[in-house]
Amino acid sequence: MAATCITHPGRSASRYVLTRTRQHQELDLDNVALYGGKGGGKIVADEADRTPTVRVSFDLTGITVHDIDINIAGFDKLSGTGDVSVNLAATGKNAHDLVASLDGSGRINFTNGTIGSAGPTALMKIGPVIGDAATRHEIEYRSLSASATIVRGVLHNNDLKLVGPWLSATGSGTLDLGPRQIDYLWEPEIAGIGTARIAITGNWDNPQYKVQSVTITKDLVLPRGLKLR
């Protein structure tokens, strides 16, 4: 077994250790600087058994991201500062099998950012507050958090929480990662206006939106801080 250690000098040295044999590769990352924050983790690829296994785990803290592509259910970009943690494992000889067998967990906790929503989807419609203007919407948030478990390629989330100056929301449901299917309940609240329950189903690149209920609590006025671009 061969091991290679690379250390970057400094007050807080980053360290990369790569361990390899013919059937096993392991990369250990310690105190790595990334996206303005730091973190560590491990990537393991094991081909000792008939079916290869891949394991990935990492924790990042204090990172800052700008317009990261997410492209799920009308949300296309994410920006903000915060922490990300992932612990995943999969087996398979190709990408399809790896995704179908994926198990693990993850969490995010971000502050002071935005989520871009491409197009006038039903996610942003509570009565005529937003309307049908074909514009790009951007949701500002003060905090955004969620955790998830993944079982055999299906991601389960029940605690998404977004808090913003004019729009807050909670969410729960599943994402089937292989066929890219979504079954999710999105519950937005526009400050001083009202709330809604919106079911999102189908292919997450082009899902169906069904407004299950709308509650108007005040005369409809465009909320202060709403940005349309």
C-alpha atoms as a PDB file:
ATOM      1  CA  MET A   1       0.000   0.000   0.000  1.00  0.00           C
ATOM      2  CA  ALA A   2       1.417   3.402  -1.033  1.00  0.00           C
ATOM      3  CA  ALA A   3       0.638   6.669   0.719  1.00  0.00           C
ATOM      4  CA  THR A   4       1.390  10.196  -0.451  1.00  0.00           C
ATOM      5  CA  CYS A   5       1.118  13.137   1.938  1.00  0.00           C
ATOM      6  CA  ILE A   6       1.071  16.751   0.723  1.00  0.00           C
ATOM      7  CA  THR A   7       1.071  19.556   3.285  1.00  0.00           C
ATOM      8  CA  HIS A   8       0.668  23.253   2.479  1.00  0.00           C
ATOM      9  CA  PRO A   9       2.625  25.375   4.979  1.00  0.00           C
ATOM     10  CA  GLY A  10       0.998  28.172   6.940  1.00  0.00           C
ATOM     11  CA  ARG A  11      -0.650  28.963  10.243  1.00  0.00           C
ATOM     12  CA  SER A  12      -3.346  26.382   9.511  1.00  0.00           C
ATOM     13  CA  ALA A  13      -1.739  23.875   7.171  1.00  0.00           C
ATOM     14  CA  SER A  14      -3.889  22.009   4.666  1.00  0.00           C
ATOM     15  CA  ARG A  15      -3.074  18.317   4.310  1.00  0.00           C
ATOM     16  CA  TYR A  16      -3.884  15.851   1.543  1.00  0.00           C
ATOM     17  CA  VAL A  17      -3.118  12.154   2.053  1.00  0.00           C
ATOM     18  CA  LEU A  18      -3.629   9.739  -0.862  1.00  0.00           C
ATOM     19  CA  THR A  19      -3.421   6.011  -0.086  1.00  0.00           C
ATOM     20  CA  ARG A  20      -3.458   3.572  -2.995  1.00  0.00           C
ATOM     21  CA  THR A  21      -3.351  -0.099  -3.800  1.00  0.00           C
ATOM     22  CA  ARG A  22      -4.433  -1.819  -7.002  1.00  0.00           C
ATOM     23  CA  GLN A  23      -8.019  -2.179  -5.727  1.00  0.00           C
ATOM     24  CA  HIS A  24      -8.308   0.594  -3.164  1.00  0.00           C
ATOM     25  CA  GLN A  25      -7.856   4.367  -3.290  1.00  0.00           C
ATOM     26  CA  GLU A  26      -8.412   6.692  -0.357  1.00  0.00           C
ATOM     27  CA  LEU A  27      -8.017  10.467  -0.301  1.00  0.00           C
ATOM     28  CA  ASP A  28      -8.028  12.181   3.092  1.00  0.00           C
ATOM     29  CA  LEU A  29      -8.467  15.960   3.193  1.00  0.00           C
ATOM     30  CA  ASP A  30      -7.722  17.883   6.368  1.00  0.00           C
ATOM     31  CA  ASN A  31      -8.241  21.602   7.023  1.00  0.00           C
ATOM     32  CA  VAL A  32      -8.701  22.413   3.333  1.00  0.00           C
ATOM     33  CA  ALA A  33      -9.419  26.027   2.330  1.00  0.00           C
ATOM     34  CA  LEU A  34     -12.409  26.201  -0.026  1.00  0.00           C
ATOM     35  CA  TYR A  35     -14.883  28.922  -1.081  1.00  0.00           C
ATOM     36  CA  GLY A  36     -13.595  31.260   1.606  1.00  0.00           C
ATOM     37  CA  GLY A  37     -14.164  28.685   4.354  1.00  0.00           C
ATOM     38  CA  LYS A  38     -12.508  25.479   5.468  1.00  0.00           C
ATOM     39  CA  GLY A  39     -13.281  21.816   5.852  1.00  0.00           C
ATOM     40  CA  GLY A  40     -12.189  18.241   5.613  1.00  0.00           C
ATOM     41  CA  GLY A  41     -13.348  14.910   4.346  1.00  0.00           C
ATOM     42  CA  LYS A  42     -12.575  11.590   2.766  1.00  0.00           C
ATOM     43  CA  ILE A  43     -13.145   9.951  -0.626  1.00  0.00           C
ATOM     44  CA  VAL A  44     -12.794   6.151  -0.864  1.00  0.00           C
ATOM     45  CA  ALA A  45     -13.017   3.986  -3.989  1.00  0.00           C
ATOM     46  CA  ASP A  46     -12.857   0.228  -3.322  1.00  0.00           C
ATOM     47  CA  GLU A  47     -12.868  -2.459  -6.010  1.00  0.00           C
ATOM     48  CA  ALA A  48     -11.980  -5.425  -3.802  1.00  0.00           C
ATOM     49  CA  ASP A  49     -15.470  -6.906  -4.171  1.00  0.00           C
ATOM     50  CA  ARG A  50     -17.188  -7.805  -7.424  1.00  0.00           C
ATOM     51  CA  THR A  51     -19.150  -4.545  -7.314  1.00  0.00           C
ATOM     52  CA  PRO A  52     -17.110  -1.363  -6.728  1.00  0.00           C
ATOM     53  CA  THR A  53     -17.975   0.827  -3.738  1.00  0.00           C
ATOM     54  CA  VAL A  54     -17.568   4.583  -3.428  1.00  0.00           C
ATOM     55  CA  ARG A  55     -17.821   6.513  -0.151  1.00  0.00           C
ATOM     56  CA  VAL A  56     -17.685  10.291   0.211  1.00  0.00           C
ATOM     57  CA  SER A  57     -17.844  12.358   3.381  1.00  0.00           C
ATOM     58  CA  PHE A  58     -17.011  15.996   4.017  1.00  0.00           C
ATOM     59  CA  ASP A  59     -17.797  18.911   6.310  1.00  0.00           C
ATOM     60  CA  LEU A  60     -17.381  22.481   5.099  1.00  0.00           C
ATOM     61  CA  THR A  61     -17.819  25.510   7.356  1.00  0.00           C
ATOM     62  CA  GLY A  62     -18.006  29.202   6.589  1.00  0.00           C
ATOM     63  CA  ILE A  63     -18.023  28.804   2.818  1.00  0.00           C
ATOM     64  CA  THR A  64     -19.436  31.467   0.483  1.00  0.00           C
ATOM     65  CA  VAL A  65     -21.019  30.435  -2.823  1.00  0.00           C
ATOM     66  CA  HIS A  66     -22.261  32.591  -5.703  1.00  0.00           C
ATOM     67  CA  ASP A  67     -24.859  31.381  -8.220  1.00  0.00           C
ATOM     68  CA  ILE A  68     -24.267  27.658  -7.677  1.00  0.00           C
ATOM     69  CA  ASP A  69     -26.405  25.635 -10.112  1.00  0.00           C
ATOM     70  CA  ILE A  70     -29.148  23.585  -8.424  1.00  0.00           C
ATOM     71  CA  ASN A  71     -31.806  23.411 -11.174  1.00  0.00           C
ATOM     72  CA  ILE A  72     -34.605  21.743  -9.215  1.00  0.00           C
ATOM     73  CA  ALA A  73     -38.301  22.622  -9.541  1.00  0.00           C
ATOM     74  CA  GLY A  74     -37.802  26.118 -10.902  1.00  0.00           C
ATOM     75  CA  PHE A  75     -34.957  27.097  -8.576  1.00  0.00           C
ATOM     76  CA  ASP A  76     -31.813  27.433 -10.633  1.00  0.00           C
ATOM     77  CA  LYS A  77     -29.180  29.325  -8.586  1.00  0.00           C
ATOM     78  CA  LEU A  78     -28.095  29.486  -4.939  1.00  0.00           C
ATOM     79  CA  SER A  79     -25.891  32.080  -3.235  1.00  0.00           C
ATOM     80  CA  GLY A  80     -25.036  32.532   0.428  1.00  0.00           C
ATOM     81  CA  THR A  81     -22.640  31.812   3.288  1.00  0.00           C
ATOM     82  CA  GLY A  82     -22.755  28.810   5.584  1.00  0.00           C
ATOM     83  CA  ASP A  83     -22.009  25.165   6.283  1.00  0.00           C
ATOM     84  CA  VAL A  84     -22.447  21.943   4.298  1.00  0.00           C
ATOM     85  CA  SER A  85     -22.101  18.359   5.504  1.00  0.00           C
ATOM     86  CA  VAL A  86     -22.393  15.182   3.394  1.00  0.00           C
ATOM     87  CA  ASN A  87     -21.901  11.467   4.093  1.00  0.00           C
ATOM     88  CA  LEU A  88     -22.653   9.183   1.123  1.00  0.00           C
ATOM     89  CA  ALA A  89     -22.012   5.632  -0.055  1.00  0.00           C
ATOM     90  CA  ALA A  90     -22.862   3.820  -3.279  1.00  0.00           C
ATOM     91  CA  THR A  91     -22.075   0.616  -5.152  1.00  0.00           C
ATOM     92  CA  GLY A  92     -22.169  -0.067  -8.864  1.00  0.00           C
ATOM     93  CA  LYS A  93     -20.229  -0.434 -12.075  1.00  0.00           C
ATOM     94  CA  ASN A  94     -21.771   2.586 -13.800  1.00  0.00           C
ATOM     95  CA  ALA A  95     -23.339   5.937 -12.954  1.00  0.00           C
ATOM     96  CA  HIS A  96     -26.903   4.579 -13.129  1.00  0.00           C
ATOM     97  CA  ASP A  97     -26.195   1.827 -10.600  1.00  0.00           C
ATOM     98  CA  LEU A  98     -24.270   4.167  -8.303  1.00  0.00           C
ATOM     99  CA  VAL A  99     -27.157   6.630  -8.136  1.00  0.00           C
ATOM    100  CA  ALA A 100     -29.767   3.883  -7.659  1.00  0.00           C
ATOM    101  CA  SER A 101     -27.834   2.433  -4.697  1.00  0.00           C
ATOM    102  CA  LEU A 102     -26.937   5.744  -3.066  1.00  0.00           C
ATOM    103  CA  ASP A 103     -27.372   5.887   0.717  1.00  0.00           C
ATOM    104  CA  GLY A 104     -26.393   8.551   3.216  1.00  0.00           C
ATOM    105  CA  SER A 105     -27.244  11.916   4.684  1.00  0.00           C
ATOM    106  CA  GLY A 106     -26.523  15.605   4.319  1.00  0.00           C
ATOM    107  CA  ARG A 107     -27.363  19.027   5.650  1.00  0.00           C
ATOM    108  CA  ILE A 108     -26.997  22.691   4.740  1.00  0.00           C
ATOM    109  CA  ASN A 109     -27.225  25.815   6.866  1.00  0.00           C
ATOM    110  CA  PHE A 110     -26.835  29.104   4.968  1.00  0.00           C
ATOM    111  CA  THR A 111     -27.359  32.780   5.780  1.00  0.00           C
ATOM    112  CA  ASN A 112     -27.705  36.062   3.897  1.00  0.00           C
ATOM    113  CA  GLY A 113     -28.147  34.858   0.348  1.00  0.00           C
ATOM    114  CA  THR A 114     -30.506  34.453  -2.583  1.00  0.00           C
ATOM    115  CA  ILE A 115     -32.236  31.705  -4.536  1.00  0.00           C
ATOM    116  CA  GLY A 116     -32.881  32.402  -8.203  1.00  0.00           C
ATOM    117  CA  SER A 117     -36.115  31.135  -9.741  1.00  0.00           C
ATOM    118  CA  ALA A 118     -36.178  31.024 -13.521  1.00  0.00           C
ATOM    119  CA  GLY A 119     -39.604  31.887 -14.862  1.00  0.00           C
ATOM    120  CA  PRO A 120     -42.994  32.719 -13.304  1.00  0.00           C
ATOM    121  CA  THR A 121     -43.600  29.322 -11.701  1.00  0.00           C
ATOM    122  CA  ALA A 122     -46.483  28.621  -9.363  1.00  0.00           C
ATOM    123  CA  LEU A 123     -43.955  28.596  -6.530  1.00  0.00           C
ATOM    124  CA  MET A 124     -44.100  32.374  -6.538  1.00  0.00           C
ATOM    125  CA  LYS A 125     -47.828  32.870  -7.085  1.00  0.00           C
ATOM    126  CA  ILE A 126     -50.188  33.579  -4.235  1.00  0.00           C
ATOM    127  CA  GLY A 127     -53.247  34.960  -5.961  1.00  0.00           C
ATOM    128  CA  PRO A 128     -52.366  38.030  -8.065  1.00  0.00           C
ATOM    129  CA  VAL A 129     -49.489  39.080  -5.788  1.00  0.00           C
ATOM    130  CA  ILE A 130     -46.876  37.993  -8.295  1.00  0.00           C
ATOM    131  CA  GLY A 131     -48.987  37.597 -11.398  1.00  0.00           C
ATOM    132  CA  ASP A 132     -47.929  36.151 -14.726  1.00  0.00           C
ATOM    133  CA  ALA A 133     -45.136  38.533 -15.680  1.00  0.00           C
ATOM    134  CA  ALA A 134     -42.484  36.571 -17.557  1.00  0.00           C
ATOM    135  CA  THR A 135     -39.612  37.811 -15.412  1.00  0.00           C
ATOM    136  CA  ARG A 136     -36.843  36.206 -13.446  1.00  0.00           C
ATOM    137  CA  HIS A 137     -37.480  36.163  -9.697  1.00  0.00           C
ATOM    138  CA  GLU A 138     -34.940  36.216  -6.923  1.00  0.00           C
ATOM    139  CA  ILE A 139     -35.768  35.278  -3.364  1.00  0.00           C
ATOM    140  CA  GLU A 140     -33.658  36.934  -0.689  1.00  0.00           C
ATOM    141  CA  TYR A 141     -33.196  35.006   2.537  1.00  0.00           C
ATOM    142  CA  ARG A 142     -31.696  35.616   5.960  1.00  0.00           C
ATOM    143  CA  SER A 143     -31.423  31.905   6.691  1.00  0.00           C
ATOM    144  CA  LEU A 144     -31.859  28.666   4.737  1.00  0.00           C
ATOM    145  CA  SER A 145     -31.508  25.250   6.335  1.00  0.00           C
ATOM    146  CA  ALA A 146     -32.362  21.658   5.481  1.00  0.00           C
ATOM    147  CA  SER A 147     -31.282  18.117   6.264  1.00  0.00           C
ATOM    148  CA  ALA A 148     -31.815  14.967   4.232  1.00  0.00           C
ATOM    149  CA  THR A 149     -31.413  11.215   4.271  1.00  0.00           C
ATOM    150  CA  ILE A 150     -30.901   9.185   1.104  1.00  0.00           C
ATOM    151  CA  VAL A 151     -32.065   5.581   0.860  1.00  0.00           C
ATOM    152  CA  ARG A 152     -31.453   3.606  -2.350  1.00  0.00           C
ATOM    153  CA  GLY A 153     -31.274   6.727  -4.478  1.00  0.00           C
ATOM    154  CA  VAL A 154     -34.278   8.535  -2.982  1.00  0.00           C
ATOM    155  CA  LEU A 155     -33.644  11.718  -1.001  1.00  0.00           C
ATOM    156  CA  HIS A 156     -36.029  12.406   1.877  1.00  0.00           C
ATOM    157  CA  ASN A 157     -36.333  15.876   3.433  1.00  0.00           C
ATOM    158  CA  ASN A 158     -38.872  17.077   5.997  1.00  0.00           C
ATOM    159  CA  ASP A 159     -37.356  20.217   7.508  1.00  0.00           C
ATOM    160  CA  LEU A 160     -36.500  22.728   4.799  1.00  0.00           C
ATOM    161  CA  LYS A 161     -36.855  26.217   6.251  1.00  0.00           C
ATOM    162  CA  LEU A 162     -36.301  29.530   4.501  1.00  0.00           C
ATOM    163  CA  VAL A 163     -36.635  32.869   6.314  1.00  0.00           C
ATOM    164  CA  GLY A 164     -36.510  36.054   4.268  1.00  0.00           C
ATOM    165  CA  PRO A 165     -37.399  39.732   4.523  1.00  0.00           C
ATOM    166  CA  TRP A 166     -40.550  39.352   2.415  1.00  0.00           C
ATOM    167  CA  LEU A 167     -40.981  35.630   1.799  1.00  0.00           C
ATOM    168  CA  SER A 168     -40.510  32.706   4.172  1.00  0.00           C
ATOM    169  CA  ALA A 169     -41.265  29.053   3.500  1.00  0.00           C
ATOM    170  CA  THR A 170     -41.072  25.475   4.697  1.00  0.00           C
ATOM    171  CA  GLY A 171     -40.827  22.354   2.595  1.00  0.00           C
ATOM    172  CA  SER A 172     -40.869  18.557   2.787  1.00  0.00           C
ATOM    173  CA  GLY A 173     -40.914  15.636   0.400  1.00  0.00           C
ATOM    174  CA  THR A 174     -38.752  13.380  -1.756  1.00  0.00           C
ATOM    175  CA  LEU A 175     -36.431  13.548  -4.745  1.00  0.00           C
ATOM    176  CA  ASP A 176     -35.862  10.329  -6.690  1.00  0.00           C
ATOM    177  CA  LEU A 177     -32.348  10.991  -7.957  1.00  0.00           C
ATOM    178  CA  GLY A 178     -32.185   8.398 -10.741  1.00  0.00           C
ATOM    179  CA  PRO A 179     -35.286   9.305 -12.786  1.00  0.00           C
ATOM    180  CA  ARG A 180     -35.107  12.905 -11.463  1.00  0.00           C
ATOM    181  CA  GLN A 181     -38.629  12.810 -10.024  1.00  0.00           C
ATOM    182  CA  ILE A 182     -39.937  15.138  -7.324  1.00  0.00           C
ATOM    183  CA  ASP A 183     -42.829  14.820  -4.868  1.00  0.00           C
ATOM    184  CA  TYR A 184     -42.668  17.851  -2.630  1.00  0.00           C
ATOM    185  CA  LEU A 185     -44.872  20.163  -0.591  1.00  0.00           C
ATOM    186  CA  TRP A 186     -43.825  23.832  -0.619  1.00  0.00           C
ATOM    187  CA  GLU A 187     -45.519  26.173   1.886  1.00  0.00           C
ATOM    188  CA  PRO A 188     -44.592  29.823   1.276  1.00  0.00           C
ATOM    189  CA  GLU A 189     -45.685  32.833   3.306  1.00  0.00           C
ATOM    190  CA  ILE A 190     -45.467  36.382   1.981  1.00  0.00           C
ATOM    191  CA  ALA A 191     -45.102  38.831   4.847  1.00  0.00           C
ATOM    192  CA  GLY A 192     -48.347  40.640   5.556  1.00  0.00           C
ATOM    193  CA  ILE A 193     -50.128  39.028   2.602  1.00  0.00           C
ATOM    194  CA  GLY A 194     -50.861  35.358   3.124  1.00  0.00           C
ATOM    195  CA  THR A 195     -49.798  31.739   2.816  1.00  0.00           C
ATOM    196  CA  ALA A 196     -50.158  28.844   0.407  1.00  0.00           C
ATOM    197  CA  ARG A 197     -49.652  25.094   0.069  1.00  0.00           C
ATOM    198  CA  ILE A 198     -48.211  24.035  -3.280  1.00  0.00           C
ATOM    199  CA  ALA A 199     -47.645  20.408  -4.338  1.00  0.00           C
ATOM    200  CA  ILE A 200     -44.738  19.923  -6.758  1.00  0.00           C
ATOM    201  CA  THR A 201     -44.678  16.611  -8.649  1.00  0.00           C
ATOM    202  CA  GLY A 202     -43.191  15.001 -11.734  1.00  0.00           C
ATOM    203  CA  ASN A 203     -39.853  15.522 -13.433  1.00  0.00           C
ATOM    204  CA  TRP A 204     -37.938  18.126 -11.464  1.00  0.00           C
ATOM    205  CA  ASP A 205     -36.707  19.846 -14.641  1.00  0.00           C
ATOM    206  CA  ASN A 206     -40.302  20.527 -15.666  1.00  0.00           C
ATOM    207  CA  PRO A 207     -42.592  19.680 -12.724  1.00  0.00           C
ATOM    208  CA  GLN A 208     -46.308  20.136 -12.240  1.00  0.00           C
ATOM    209  CA  TYR A 209     -47.465  22.658  -9.618  1.00  0.00           C
ATOM    210  CA  LYS A 210     -50.801  22.278  -7.858  1.00  0.00           C
ATOM    211  CA  VAL A 211     -51.918  25.028  -5.499  1.00  0.00           C
ATOM    212  CA  GLN A 212     -53.745  23.117  -2.761  1.00  0.00           C
ATOM    213  CA  SER A 213     -54.770  26.143  -0.717  1.00  0.00           C
ATOM    214  CA  VAL A 214     -54.282  29.901  -0.432  1.00  0.00           C
ATOM    215  CA  THR A 215     -54.965  32.032   2.635  1.00  0.00           C
ATOM    216  CA  ILE A 216     -55.047  35.802   2.173  1.00  0.00           C
ATOM    217  CA  THR A 217     -54.573  37.707   5.424  1.00  0.00           C
ATOM    218  CA  LYS A 218     -54.390  41.294   4.147  1.00  0.00           C
ATOM    219  CA  ASP A 219     -55.156  43.509   1.157  1.00  0.00           C
ATOM    220  CA  LEU A 220     -52.868  42.617  -1.719  1.00  0.00           C
ATOM    221  CA  VAL A 221     -49.921  45.005  -1.828  1.00  0.00           C
ATOM    222  CA  LEU A 222     -46.558  44.320  -3.413  1.00  0.00           C
ATOM    223  CA  PRO A 223     -44.299  43.502  -0.446  1.00  0.00           C
ATOM    224  CA  ARG A 224     -41.427  45.817   0.339  1.00  0.00           C
ATOM    225  CA  GLY A 225     -38.120  44.257  -0.687  1.00  0.00           C
ATOM    226  CA  LEU A 226     -39.547  42.184  -3.578  1.00  0.00           C
ATOM    227  CA  LYS A 227     -37.046  42.062  -6.400  1.00  0.00           C
ATOM    228  CA  LEU A 228     -37.960  41.187  -9.950  1.00  0.00           C
ATOM    229  CA  ARG A 229     -35.328  41.055 -12.643  1.00  0.00           C
END
